[in-house]
N, C-alpha and C. Protein backbone atom coordinates (compact mmCIF):
# COMPACT_ATOMS: atom_id res chain seq x y z
N UNK A 1 61.35 84.24 -79.16
CA UNK A 1 60.69 83.47 -78.12
C UNK A 1 59.21 83.88 -78.07
N UNK A 2 58.32 82.93 -78.09
CA UNK A 2 56.89 83.22 -78.03
C UNK A 2 56.49 83.61 -76.61
N UNK A 3 55.27 84.14 -76.48
CA UNK A 3 54.78 84.54 -75.17
C UNK A 3 54.79 83.36 -74.20
N UNK A 4 54.34 82.21 -74.63
CA UNK A 4 54.30 81.04 -73.75
C UNK A 4 55.69 80.60 -73.32
N UNK A 5 56.66 80.62 -74.25
CA UNK A 5 58.03 80.25 -73.90
C UNK A 5 58.62 81.24 -72.90
N UNK A 6 58.34 82.54 -73.11
CA UNK A 6 58.83 83.55 -72.18
C UNK A 6 58.22 83.36 -70.81
N UNK A 7 56.94 83.07 -70.78
CA UNK A 7 56.26 82.87 -69.50
C UNK A 7 56.84 81.67 -68.76
N UNK A 8 57.14 80.59 -69.47
CA UNK A 8 57.69 79.40 -68.83
C UNK A 8 59.12 79.64 -68.35
N UNK A 9 59.85 80.50 -69.06
CA UNK A 9 61.23 80.79 -68.69
C UNK A 9 61.32 81.78 -67.53
N UNK A 10 60.23 82.46 -67.23
CA UNK A 10 60.25 83.45 -66.16
C UNK A 10 60.69 82.79 -64.85
N UNK A 11 61.56 83.46 -64.16
CA UNK A 11 62.05 82.92 -62.90
C UNK A 11 63.32 82.11 -63.05
N UNK A 12 63.73 81.83 -64.29
CA UNK A 12 64.92 81.02 -64.51
C UNK A 12 66.20 81.82 -64.27
N UNK A 13 66.12 83.14 -64.34
CA UNK A 13 67.31 83.96 -64.15
C UNK A 13 66.95 85.17 -63.30
N UNK A 14 67.97 85.85 -62.80
CA UNK A 14 67.72 87.09 -62.07
C UNK A 14 67.70 86.87 -60.57
N UNK A 15 67.85 87.97 -59.89
CA UNK A 15 67.85 87.93 -58.44
C UNK A 15 66.45 87.80 -57.88
N UNK A 16 66.39 87.33 -56.67
CA UNK A 16 65.13 87.20 -55.94
C UNK A 16 65.03 88.39 -54.99
N UNK A 17 63.92 89.11 -55.07
CA UNK A 17 63.67 90.24 -54.18
C UNK A 17 62.44 89.90 -53.34
N UNK A 18 62.51 90.20 -52.05
CA UNK A 18 61.40 89.90 -51.15
C UNK A 18 60.99 91.18 -50.43
N UNK A 19 59.70 91.46 -50.45
CA UNK A 19 59.12 92.61 -49.76
C UNK A 19 58.12 92.05 -48.76
N UNK A 20 58.33 92.33 -47.47
CA UNK A 20 57.47 91.75 -46.43
C UNK A 20 56.81 92.84 -45.60
N UNK A 21 55.62 92.48 -45.09
CA UNK A 21 54.91 93.36 -44.17
C UNK A 21 54.02 92.50 -43.29
N UNK A 22 53.82 92.92 -42.05
CA UNK A 22 52.89 92.24 -41.15
C UNK A 22 51.56 92.97 -41.23
N UNK A 23 50.51 92.24 -41.55
CA UNK A 23 49.17 92.80 -41.67
C UNK A 23 48.33 92.25 -40.52
N UNK A 24 47.79 93.15 -39.72
CA UNK A 24 46.99 92.76 -38.55
C UNK A 24 45.55 92.53 -38.97
N UNK A 25 45.32 91.32 -39.48
CA UNK A 25 43.99 90.92 -39.96
C UNK A 25 44.00 89.41 -40.15
N UNK A 26 42.82 88.80 -40.20
CA UNK A 26 42.75 87.36 -40.49
C UNK A 26 43.27 87.06 -41.90
N UNK A 27 43.84 85.89 -42.08
CA UNK A 27 44.41 85.52 -43.37
C UNK A 27 43.37 85.56 -44.48
N UNK A 28 42.13 85.18 -44.19
CA UNK A 28 41.08 85.19 -45.21
C UNK A 28 40.80 86.60 -45.71
N UNK A 29 40.87 87.59 -44.81
CA UNK A 29 40.64 88.98 -45.20
C UNK A 29 41.75 89.47 -46.13
N UNK A 30 42.99 89.16 -45.77
CA UNK A 30 44.12 89.57 -46.61
C UNK A 30 44.02 88.88 -47.97
N UNK A 31 43.77 87.58 -47.97
CA UNK A 31 43.67 86.81 -49.21
C UNK A 31 42.57 87.36 -50.11
N UNK A 32 41.38 87.54 -49.55
CA UNK A 32 40.24 88.00 -50.36
C UNK A 32 40.47 89.38 -50.95
N UNK A 33 41.19 90.23 -50.24
CA UNK A 33 41.52 91.56 -50.77
C UNK A 33 42.53 91.42 -51.91
N UNK A 34 43.54 90.59 -51.71
CA UNK A 34 44.60 90.40 -52.71
C UNK A 34 44.06 89.86 -54.03
N UNK A 35 43.14 88.92 -53.99
CA UNK A 35 42.72 88.21 -55.20
C UNK A 35 41.42 88.74 -55.82
N UNK A 36 41.01 89.93 -55.44
CA UNK A 36 39.80 90.51 -56.04
C UNK A 36 40.02 90.70 -57.54
N UNK A 37 38.99 90.40 -58.29
CA UNK A 37 39.02 90.68 -59.72
C UNK A 37 37.85 91.60 -60.04
N UNK A 38 37.99 92.35 -61.10
CA UNK A 38 36.96 93.27 -61.58
C UNK A 38 36.64 94.38 -60.58
N UNK A 39 37.56 94.71 -59.68
CA UNK A 39 37.45 95.83 -58.76
C UNK A 39 38.73 96.65 -58.87
N UNK A 40 38.63 97.96 -58.68
CA UNK A 40 39.81 98.81 -58.66
C UNK A 40 40.61 98.47 -57.40
N UNK A 41 41.90 98.20 -57.58
CA UNK A 41 42.77 97.79 -56.48
C UNK A 41 43.83 98.87 -56.24
N UNK A 42 43.64 99.70 -55.20
CA UNK A 42 44.59 100.80 -54.97
C UNK A 42 46.01 100.32 -54.72
N UNK A 43 46.19 99.14 -54.14
CA UNK A 43 47.54 98.62 -53.87
C UNK A 43 48.21 98.12 -55.14
N UNK A 44 47.46 97.90 -56.21
CA UNK A 44 48.01 97.55 -57.52
C UNK A 44 47.92 98.76 -58.45
N UNK A 45 48.27 99.91 -57.91
CA UNK A 45 48.35 101.16 -58.68
C UNK A 45 47.02 101.53 -59.33
N UNK A 46 45.92 101.21 -58.67
CA UNK A 46 44.59 101.57 -59.18
C UNK A 46 44.14 100.74 -60.35
N UNK A 47 44.78 99.60 -60.58
CA UNK A 47 44.41 98.73 -61.70
C UNK A 47 43.29 97.78 -61.30
N UNK A 48 42.71 97.15 -62.30
CA UNK A 48 41.70 96.12 -62.13
C UNK A 48 42.31 94.83 -62.66
N UNK A 49 42.21 93.75 -61.88
CA UNK A 49 42.72 92.46 -62.33
C UNK A 49 41.64 91.74 -63.12
N UNK A 50 41.94 91.45 -64.37
CA UNK A 50 41.04 90.66 -65.22
C UNK A 50 41.70 89.31 -65.45
N UNK A 51 40.86 88.27 -65.48
CA UNK A 51 41.37 86.91 -65.63
C UNK A 51 40.61 86.19 -66.73
N UNK A 52 41.34 85.39 -67.48
CA UNK A 52 40.73 84.53 -68.50
C UNK A 52 39.63 83.70 -67.85
N UNK A 53 38.46 83.72 -68.44
CA UNK A 53 37.28 83.00 -67.93
C UNK A 53 36.80 83.52 -66.58
N UNK A 54 37.33 84.67 -66.12
CA UNK A 54 36.84 85.31 -64.91
C UNK A 54 37.21 84.65 -63.59
N UNK A 55 38.03 83.60 -63.61
CA UNK A 55 38.35 82.88 -62.38
C UNK A 55 39.86 82.70 -62.23
N UNK A 56 40.43 83.23 -61.14
CA UNK A 56 41.85 83.02 -60.87
C UNK A 56 42.10 81.54 -60.61
N UNK A 57 43.02 80.97 -61.37
CA UNK A 57 43.40 79.56 -61.22
C UNK A 57 44.70 79.35 -61.99
N UNK A 58 45.47 78.37 -61.58
CA UNK A 58 46.71 78.05 -62.29
C UNK A 58 46.41 77.79 -63.76
N UNK A 59 47.24 78.36 -64.62
CA UNK A 59 47.07 78.18 -66.06
C UNK A 59 46.23 79.25 -66.73
N UNK A 60 45.59 80.11 -65.96
CA UNK A 60 44.74 81.16 -66.53
C UNK A 60 45.56 82.42 -66.79
N UNK A 61 45.31 83.03 -67.94
CA UNK A 61 45.95 84.31 -68.24
C UNK A 61 45.29 85.40 -67.42
N UNK A 62 46.10 86.41 -67.07
CA UNK A 62 45.58 87.54 -66.31
C UNK A 62 46.22 88.82 -66.85
N UNK A 63 45.57 89.93 -66.54
CA UNK A 63 46.14 91.22 -66.90
C UNK A 63 45.62 92.27 -65.93
N UNK A 64 46.43 93.29 -65.72
CA UNK A 64 46.05 94.43 -64.90
C UNK A 64 45.70 95.56 -65.87
N UNK A 65 44.48 96.09 -65.74
CA UNK A 65 43.99 97.07 -66.69
C UNK A 65 43.53 98.33 -65.97
N UNK A 66 43.43 99.41 -66.75
CA UNK A 66 42.91 100.65 -66.20
C UNK A 66 41.43 100.48 -65.90
N UNK A 67 40.90 101.25 -64.95
CA UNK A 67 39.47 101.12 -64.61
C UNK A 67 38.53 101.32 -65.80
N UNK A 68 38.94 102.13 -66.78
CA UNK A 68 38.10 102.34 -67.97
C UNK A 68 38.28 101.23 -69.01
N UNK A 69 39.13 100.26 -68.70
CA UNK A 69 39.37 99.08 -69.55
C UNK A 69 39.98 99.44 -70.93
N UNK A 70 40.66 100.56 -71.02
CA UNK A 70 41.27 100.96 -72.29
C UNK A 70 42.72 100.50 -72.44
N UNK A 71 43.41 100.32 -71.31
CA UNK A 71 44.84 99.98 -71.36
C UNK A 71 45.16 98.84 -70.41
N UNK A 72 46.11 98.00 -70.82
CA UNK A 72 46.65 96.95 -69.95
C UNK A 72 48.06 97.37 -69.55
N UNK A 73 48.36 97.32 -68.26
CA UNK A 73 49.69 97.70 -67.80
C UNK A 73 50.58 96.48 -67.56
N UNK A 74 49.96 95.37 -67.18
CA UNK A 74 50.69 94.13 -66.87
C UNK A 74 49.92 92.96 -67.45
N UNK A 75 50.66 91.98 -67.98
CA UNK A 75 50.05 90.73 -68.44
C UNK A 75 50.86 89.57 -67.88
N UNK A 76 50.22 88.41 -67.80
CA UNK A 76 50.91 87.23 -67.32
C UNK A 76 49.98 86.04 -67.27
N UNK A 77 50.46 84.99 -66.64
CA UNK A 77 49.68 83.77 -66.47
C UNK A 77 49.84 83.27 -65.04
N UNK A 78 48.74 82.88 -64.43
CA UNK A 78 48.77 82.36 -63.07
C UNK A 78 49.50 81.02 -63.09
N UNK A 79 50.52 80.89 -62.26
CA UNK A 79 51.30 79.65 -62.20
C UNK A 79 50.99 78.83 -60.95
N UNK A 80 50.48 79.49 -59.93
CA UNK A 80 50.08 78.78 -58.71
C UNK A 80 48.96 79.56 -58.03
N UNK A 81 47.98 78.84 -57.54
CA UNK A 81 46.86 79.47 -56.84
C UNK A 81 46.43 78.52 -55.74
N UNK A 82 46.91 78.77 -54.52
CA UNK A 82 46.68 77.90 -53.37
C UNK A 82 46.09 78.71 -52.21
N UNK A 83 44.76 78.94 -52.26
CA UNK A 83 44.12 79.75 -51.21
C UNK A 83 44.28 79.12 -49.83
N UNK A 84 44.44 79.91 -48.79
CA UNK A 84 44.73 81.35 -48.77
C UNK A 84 46.22 81.63 -48.53
N UNK A 85 47.10 80.82 -49.08
CA UNK A 85 48.52 80.94 -48.75
C UNK A 85 49.44 81.41 -49.87
N UNK A 86 49.14 81.07 -51.11
CA UNK A 86 50.08 81.44 -52.18
C UNK A 86 49.36 81.67 -53.50
N UNK A 87 49.84 82.71 -54.18
CA UNK A 87 49.35 83.08 -55.50
C UNK A 87 50.58 83.55 -56.27
N UNK A 88 50.82 82.97 -57.43
CA UNK A 88 51.98 83.35 -58.24
C UNK A 88 51.56 83.49 -59.69
N UNK A 89 52.23 84.40 -60.39
CA UNK A 89 51.96 84.59 -61.81
C UNK A 89 53.19 85.14 -62.52
N UNK A 90 53.26 84.86 -63.81
CA UNK A 90 54.29 85.50 -64.61
C UNK A 90 53.87 86.96 -64.76
N UNK A 91 54.82 87.79 -65.13
CA UNK A 91 54.59 89.24 -65.07
C UNK A 91 55.39 89.92 -66.17
N UNK A 92 54.71 90.77 -66.92
CA UNK A 92 55.37 91.59 -67.94
C UNK A 92 54.66 92.92 -68.03
N UNK A 93 55.45 94.01 -67.95
CA UNK A 93 54.89 95.34 -68.21
C UNK A 93 54.67 95.47 -69.71
N UNK A 94 53.49 95.91 -70.10
CA UNK A 94 53.17 95.98 -71.53
C UNK A 94 53.91 97.09 -72.26
N UNK A 95 54.35 98.12 -71.57
CA UNK A 95 54.99 99.24 -72.27
C UNK A 95 56.45 98.98 -72.61
N UNK A 96 57.05 97.92 -72.05
CA UNK A 96 58.45 97.63 -72.31
C UNK A 96 58.61 96.26 -72.96
N UNK A 97 59.73 96.08 -73.61
CA UNK A 97 60.01 94.81 -74.29
C UNK A 97 60.83 93.85 -73.42
N UNK A 98 60.83 94.07 -72.12
CA UNK A 98 61.56 93.19 -71.20
C UNK A 98 60.92 91.81 -71.16
N UNK A 99 61.71 90.82 -70.79
CA UNK A 99 61.23 89.44 -70.66
C UNK A 99 60.27 89.33 -69.47
N UNK A 100 59.53 88.24 -69.44
CA UNK A 100 58.65 87.95 -68.31
C UNK A 100 59.48 87.63 -67.07
N UNK A 101 58.93 87.96 -65.91
CA UNK A 101 59.49 87.53 -64.63
C UNK A 101 58.35 86.86 -63.86
N UNK A 102 58.58 86.53 -62.61
CA UNK A 102 57.54 85.90 -61.80
C UNK A 102 57.34 86.69 -60.52
N UNK A 103 56.08 86.84 -60.15
CA UNK A 103 55.70 87.48 -58.88
C UNK A 103 54.94 86.44 -58.06
N UNK A 104 55.35 86.28 -56.81
CA UNK A 104 54.69 85.34 -55.90
C UNK A 104 54.25 86.11 -54.66
N UNK A 105 53.03 85.83 -54.23
CA UNK A 105 52.49 86.42 -53.01
C UNK A 105 52.32 85.28 -52.01
N UNK A 106 53.03 85.35 -50.88
CA UNK A 106 52.93 84.34 -49.83
C UNK A 106 52.28 84.96 -48.60
N UNK A 107 51.34 84.23 -48.01
CA UNK A 107 50.66 84.66 -46.80
C UNK A 107 50.90 83.60 -45.73
N UNK A 108 51.38 84.04 -44.57
CA UNK A 108 51.68 83.11 -43.48
C UNK A 108 51.04 83.65 -42.19
N UNK A 109 50.21 82.81 -41.57
CA UNK A 109 49.58 83.21 -40.31
C UNK A 109 50.62 83.25 -39.19
N UNK A 110 50.55 84.30 -38.38
CA UNK A 110 51.39 84.42 -37.19
C UNK A 110 50.48 84.84 -36.03
N UNK A 111 50.96 84.76 -34.80
CA UNK A 111 50.14 85.22 -33.67
C UNK A 111 49.77 86.71 -33.77
N UNK A 112 50.59 87.49 -34.47
CA UNK A 112 50.35 88.93 -34.59
C UNK A 112 49.48 89.30 -35.78
N UNK A 113 49.26 88.39 -36.70
CA UNK A 113 48.50 88.69 -37.92
C UNK A 113 49.00 87.84 -39.07
N UNK A 114 49.12 88.45 -40.23
CA UNK A 114 49.56 87.74 -41.44
C UNK A 114 50.86 88.34 -41.93
N UNK A 115 51.87 87.49 -42.09
CA UNK A 115 53.10 87.92 -42.73
C UNK A 115 52.87 87.81 -44.23
N UNK A 116 52.84 88.95 -44.89
CA UNK A 116 52.61 88.99 -46.33
C UNK A 116 53.94 89.24 -47.02
N UNK A 117 54.28 88.38 -47.97
CA UNK A 117 55.53 88.54 -48.73
C UNK A 117 55.22 88.63 -50.21
N UNK A 118 55.81 89.61 -50.84
CA UNK A 118 55.77 89.75 -52.29
C UNK A 118 57.18 89.41 -52.76
N UNK A 119 57.30 88.39 -53.60
CA UNK A 119 58.60 87.89 -54.03
C UNK A 119 58.69 87.99 -55.54
N UNK A 120 59.76 88.61 -56.03
CA UNK A 120 59.97 88.67 -57.48
C UNK A 120 61.20 87.83 -57.82
N UNK A 121 61.09 87.07 -58.91
CA UNK A 121 62.21 86.26 -59.39
C UNK A 121 62.29 86.40 -60.91
N UNK A 122 63.50 86.27 -61.41
CA UNK A 122 63.69 86.30 -62.85
C UNK A 122 63.54 87.67 -63.47
N UNK A 123 63.64 88.73 -62.67
CA UNK A 123 63.52 90.08 -63.21
C UNK A 123 64.79 90.38 -64.01
N UNK A 124 64.65 90.78 -65.27
CA UNK A 124 65.83 91.05 -66.08
C UNK A 124 66.73 92.13 -65.45
N UNK A 125 67.97 91.78 -65.15
CA UNK A 125 68.91 92.70 -64.51
C UNK A 125 69.14 93.94 -65.37
N UNK A 126 69.12 95.10 -64.73
CA UNK A 126 69.38 96.35 -65.42
C UNK A 126 68.24 96.85 -66.29
N UNK A 127 67.10 96.18 -66.22
CA UNK A 127 65.96 96.54 -67.09
C UNK A 127 65.07 97.60 -66.44
N UNK A 128 64.19 98.15 -67.25
CA UNK A 128 63.18 99.07 -66.74
C UNK A 128 62.25 98.34 -65.77
N UNK A 129 61.99 97.08 -66.05
CA UNK A 129 61.17 96.27 -65.15
C UNK A 129 61.82 96.19 -63.77
N UNK A 130 63.12 95.97 -63.72
CA UNK A 130 63.82 95.87 -62.44
C UNK A 130 63.67 97.16 -61.64
N UNK A 131 63.86 98.29 -62.28
CA UNK A 131 63.73 99.58 -61.59
C UNK A 131 62.32 99.79 -61.08
N UNK A 132 61.34 99.48 -61.90
CA UNK A 132 59.95 99.68 -61.52
C UNK A 132 59.52 98.73 -60.41
N UNK A 133 59.96 97.48 -60.48
CA UNK A 133 59.60 96.49 -59.46
C UNK A 133 60.20 96.84 -58.10
N UNK A 134 61.38 97.44 -58.09
CA UNK A 134 62.02 97.82 -56.83
C UNK A 134 61.16 98.82 -56.07
N UNK A 135 60.54 99.74 -56.77
CA UNK A 135 59.64 100.71 -56.14
C UNK A 135 58.26 100.11 -55.91
N UNK A 136 57.81 99.31 -56.85
CA UNK A 136 56.47 98.75 -56.79
C UNK A 136 56.25 97.78 -55.65
N UNK A 137 57.26 96.99 -55.31
CA UNK A 137 57.12 96.02 -54.23
C UNK A 137 56.78 96.69 -52.90
N UNK A 138 57.47 97.76 -52.60
CA UNK A 138 57.21 98.50 -51.37
C UNK A 138 55.84 99.17 -51.41
N UNK A 139 55.49 99.75 -52.55
CA UNK A 139 54.18 100.41 -52.71
C UNK A 139 53.06 99.40 -52.48
N UNK A 140 53.16 98.24 -53.11
CA UNK A 140 52.09 97.24 -53.02
C UNK A 140 51.93 96.73 -51.59
N UNK A 141 53.04 96.35 -50.94
CA UNK A 141 52.92 95.81 -49.59
C UNK A 141 52.38 96.84 -48.61
N UNK A 142 52.85 98.06 -48.70
CA UNK A 142 52.40 99.12 -47.80
C UNK A 142 50.92 99.44 -48.01
N UNK A 143 50.51 99.56 -49.26
CA UNK A 143 49.13 99.92 -49.55
C UNK A 143 48.15 98.78 -49.29
N UNK A 144 48.58 97.53 -49.49
CA UNK A 144 47.72 96.40 -49.13
C UNK A 144 47.49 96.39 -47.62
N UNK A 145 48.55 96.57 -46.86
CA UNK A 145 48.45 96.62 -45.40
C UNK A 145 47.46 97.69 -44.95
N UNK A 146 47.62 98.90 -45.46
CA UNK A 146 46.74 100.00 -45.06
C UNK A 146 45.29 99.71 -45.43
N UNK A 147 45.06 99.24 -46.64
CA UNK A 147 43.69 98.95 -47.07
C UNK A 147 43.04 97.87 -46.20
N UNK A 148 43.76 96.80 -45.94
CA UNK A 148 43.19 95.70 -45.15
C UNK A 148 42.94 96.14 -43.70
N UNK A 149 43.91 96.85 -43.12
CA UNK A 149 43.78 97.22 -41.71
C UNK A 149 42.80 98.35 -41.45
N UNK A 150 42.63 99.27 -42.40
CA UNK A 150 41.77 100.44 -42.16
C UNK A 150 40.50 100.44 -43.00
N UNK A 151 40.49 99.64 -44.06
CA UNK A 151 39.35 99.65 -44.97
C UNK A 151 39.42 100.77 -45.99
N UNK A 152 40.51 101.55 -45.96
CA UNK A 152 40.67 102.68 -46.88
C UNK A 152 42.06 102.63 -47.51
N UNK A 153 42.18 103.10 -48.75
CA UNK A 153 43.51 103.15 -49.37
C UNK A 153 44.42 104.11 -48.63
N UNK A 154 45.71 103.83 -48.64
CA UNK A 154 46.69 104.75 -48.07
C UNK A 154 46.84 105.98 -48.95
N UNK A 155 47.56 106.98 -48.46
CA UNK A 155 47.73 108.23 -49.20
C UNK A 155 48.30 107.99 -50.59
N UNK A 156 49.37 107.20 -50.68
CA UNK A 156 49.98 106.98 -52.00
C UNK A 156 49.04 106.23 -52.93
N UNK A 157 48.25 105.31 -52.39
CA UNK A 157 47.26 104.60 -53.20
C UNK A 157 46.18 105.54 -53.71
N UNK A 158 45.73 106.46 -52.85
CA UNK A 158 44.73 107.45 -53.28
C UNK A 158 45.30 108.37 -54.35
N UNK A 159 46.56 108.77 -54.19
CA UNK A 159 47.19 109.66 -55.18
C UNK A 159 47.28 108.98 -56.55
N UNK A 160 47.69 107.73 -56.56
CA UNK A 160 47.80 107.00 -57.83
C UNK A 160 46.43 106.88 -58.49
N UNK A 161 45.41 106.60 -57.69
CA UNK A 161 44.06 106.47 -58.26
C UNK A 161 43.55 107.81 -58.78
N UNK A 162 43.92 108.90 -58.12
CA UNK A 162 43.50 110.23 -58.56
C UNK A 162 44.21 110.61 -59.86
N UNK A 163 45.49 110.31 -59.95
CA UNK A 163 46.27 110.69 -61.13
C UNK A 163 46.12 109.72 -62.29
N UNK A 164 45.61 108.54 -62.03
CA UNK A 164 45.47 107.51 -63.06
C UNK A 164 44.81 107.97 -64.35
N UNK A 165 43.64 108.63 -64.27
CA UNK A 165 42.99 109.08 -65.51
C UNK A 165 43.86 110.04 -66.33
N UNK A 166 44.65 110.86 -65.67
CA UNK A 166 45.53 111.78 -66.39
C UNK A 166 46.65 111.04 -67.10
N UNK A 167 47.10 109.94 -66.49
CA UNK A 167 48.20 109.16 -67.07
C UNK A 167 47.80 108.49 -68.38
N UNK A 168 46.50 108.27 -68.57
CA UNK A 168 46.02 107.66 -69.81
C UNK A 168 46.45 108.43 -71.04
N UNK A 169 46.56 109.75 -70.90
CA UNK A 169 46.96 110.57 -72.05
C UNK A 169 48.41 110.31 -72.45
N UNK A 170 49.21 109.77 -71.53
CA UNK A 170 50.62 109.53 -71.80
C UNK A 170 50.93 108.05 -72.00
N UNK A 171 49.92 107.21 -71.94
CA UNK A 171 50.13 105.77 -72.07
C UNK A 171 50.42 105.40 -73.53
N UNK A 172 51.48 104.65 -73.79
CA UNK A 172 51.81 104.27 -75.17
C UNK A 172 50.69 103.45 -75.83
N UNK A 173 50.56 103.61 -77.14
CA UNK A 173 49.53 102.88 -77.89
C UNK A 173 49.69 101.37 -77.77
N UNK A 174 50.93 100.90 -77.62
CA UNK A 174 51.14 99.45 -77.51
C UNK A 174 50.48 98.86 -76.28
N UNK A 175 50.08 99.70 -75.31
CA UNK A 175 49.42 99.23 -74.09
C UNK A 175 47.90 99.13 -74.23
N UNK A 176 47.37 99.52 -75.38
CA UNK A 176 45.92 99.42 -75.57
C UNK A 176 45.48 97.98 -75.34
N UNK A 177 44.34 97.86 -74.70
CA UNK A 177 43.86 96.54 -74.26
C UNK A 177 43.70 95.55 -75.41
N UNK A 178 43.35 96.03 -76.59
CA UNK A 178 43.16 95.10 -77.72
C UNK A 178 44.47 94.43 -78.14
N UNK A 179 45.61 94.99 -77.73
CA UNK A 179 46.90 94.38 -78.04
C UNK A 179 47.28 93.27 -77.06
N UNK A 180 46.49 93.10 -76.00
CA UNK A 180 46.81 92.15 -74.94
C UNK A 180 45.58 91.32 -74.57
N UNK A 181 45.10 90.48 -75.50
CA UNK A 181 43.88 89.70 -75.23
C UNK A 181 44.11 88.63 -74.15
N UNK A 182 43.04 88.32 -73.46
CA UNK A 182 43.11 87.25 -72.45
C UNK A 182 42.94 85.88 -73.08
N UNK A 183 42.17 85.79 -74.14
CA UNK A 183 41.90 84.50 -74.77
C UNK A 183 43.12 83.91 -75.44
N UNK A 184 43.10 82.62 -75.64
CA UNK A 184 44.20 81.91 -76.31
C UNK A 184 44.16 82.18 -77.80
N UNK A 185 45.34 82.30 -78.37
CA UNK A 185 45.42 82.57 -79.81
C UNK A 185 45.57 81.29 -80.59
């Protein structure tokens, strides 16, 4: 199966997992923090979101890279981009050979703030991706909430950003950025 076929098949199988948090901030603030590109994002494990042609939009390839731009940890393609309510993309960890899945971020205004939901679908059952996503969903929602509400990363977000440079020494060669180009082949 080619990368494009895998990306299109993402979400066709697997359980749906939902991680929710209430963020006490305007929806525009939450949205703008979520969709930042070319900035270190503590809620995304200290990664930087890079996008094909530099603009998040449906059909654009994206990848999460280390701040030094040497490694890609996640690759995918934006499948929906509806500011400020929904952003979805296919998702694959570069270090594993698991199939693509889909991650959707939903933002809903409430009287108390913004209900932020991170939804995963099509995650391969029993895979390394499934185990990692189960922990990652909680980390992302919690750290996004803290960053938006306080303007500072949470403790776990700061720890990941501090340890990130050390992790580069243990990152598999297959994750090198040149193996995961944004441009079309």
